[in-house]
Protein backbone atom coordinates (compact mmCIF):
# COMPACT_ATOMS: atom_id res chain seq x y z
CA MET A 1 -6.31 -42.72 34.70
CA LYS A 2 -2.57 -42.63 35.23
CA LYS A 3 -1.08 -41.01 38.32
CA ASN A 4 0.71 -38.39 36.20
CA ASN A 5 -2.55 -37.43 34.46
CA VAL A 6 -4.27 -36.99 37.83
CA LYS A 7 -1.48 -34.67 39.02
CA GLU A 8 -1.75 -32.63 35.83
CA LEU A 9 -5.52 -32.35 36.26
CA ILE A 10 -5.20 -31.24 39.89
CA ARG A 11 -2.55 -28.68 38.91
CA LEU A 12 -4.85 -27.36 36.16
CA ILE A 13 -7.76 -27.08 38.61
CA PHE A 14 -5.71 -25.04 41.06
CA LYS A 15 -4.56 -22.72 38.27
CA ALA A 16 -8.15 -22.33 37.04
CA VAL A 17 -9.37 -21.47 40.55
CA THR A 18 -6.63 -18.84 40.83
CA LEU A 19 -7.69 -17.23 37.55
CA ALA A 20 -11.40 -17.47 38.37
CA MET A 21 -11.00 -15.78 41.76
CA GLY A 22 -9.04 -12.91 40.23
CA VAL A 23 -11.57 -12.37 37.45
CA ALA A 24 -14.49 -12.64 39.88
CA VAL A 25 -13.00 -10.01 42.19
CA VAL A 26 -12.42 -7.59 39.32
CA ALA A 27 -15.90 -8.13 37.84
CA LEU A 28 -17.73 -7.84 41.16
CA SER A 29 -15.71 -4.77 42.12
CA ILE A 30 -16.61 -3.04 38.85
CA MET A 31 -20.30 -3.75 39.55
CA ASN A 32 -19.91 -2.49 43.16
CA LYS A 33 -21.22 -5.81 44.50
CA LEU A 34 -18.20 -6.74 46.62
CA ASP A 35 -17.00 -5.49 49.98
CA THR A 36 -13.32 -5.30 50.87
CA GLN A 37 -13.25 -8.21 53.30
CA THR A 38 -14.84 -10.58 50.79
CA ALA A 39 -12.49 -9.40 48.05
CA VAL A 40 -9.43 -10.05 50.21
CA THR A 41 -10.76 -13.50 51.14
CA MET A 42 -11.37 -14.40 47.49
CA LEU A 43 -7.93 -13.16 46.46
CA GLY A 44 -6.40 -15.14 49.33
CA ILE A 45 -8.05 -18.31 48.03
CA GLY A 46 -6.64 -17.53 44.59
CA VAL A 47 -3.13 -16.98 45.92
CA ALA A 48 -3.31 -20.22 47.91
CA GLY A 49 -4.35 -22.12 44.78
CA SER A 50 -1.48 -20.57 42.86
CA GLY A 51 0.93 -21.54 45.62
CA VAL A 52 -0.23 -25.15 45.60
CA ALA A 53 0.13 -25.32 41.81
CA LEU A 54 3.64 -23.85 41.98
CA LEU A 55 4.67 -26.28 44.72
CA MET A 56 3.34 -29.17 42.65
CA ASP A 57 5.43 -27.94 39.69
CA LYS A 58 8.54 -27.77 41.86
CA ASN A 59 8.06 -31.28 43.26
CA SER A 60 7.51 -32.88 39.86
């Protein structure tokens, strides 16, 4: 696998984690299965993943 393909795959994974965390927080909140602290933690992980993906885009 070429180095560029690996970077693209990692970038895609970080973007997917960001989307998954957002969707999970919304779904669990609708079902009343999520407390506030856990929701903030999950959203923080999503924002961090988005930040990494954006920094990778900028450095490319």
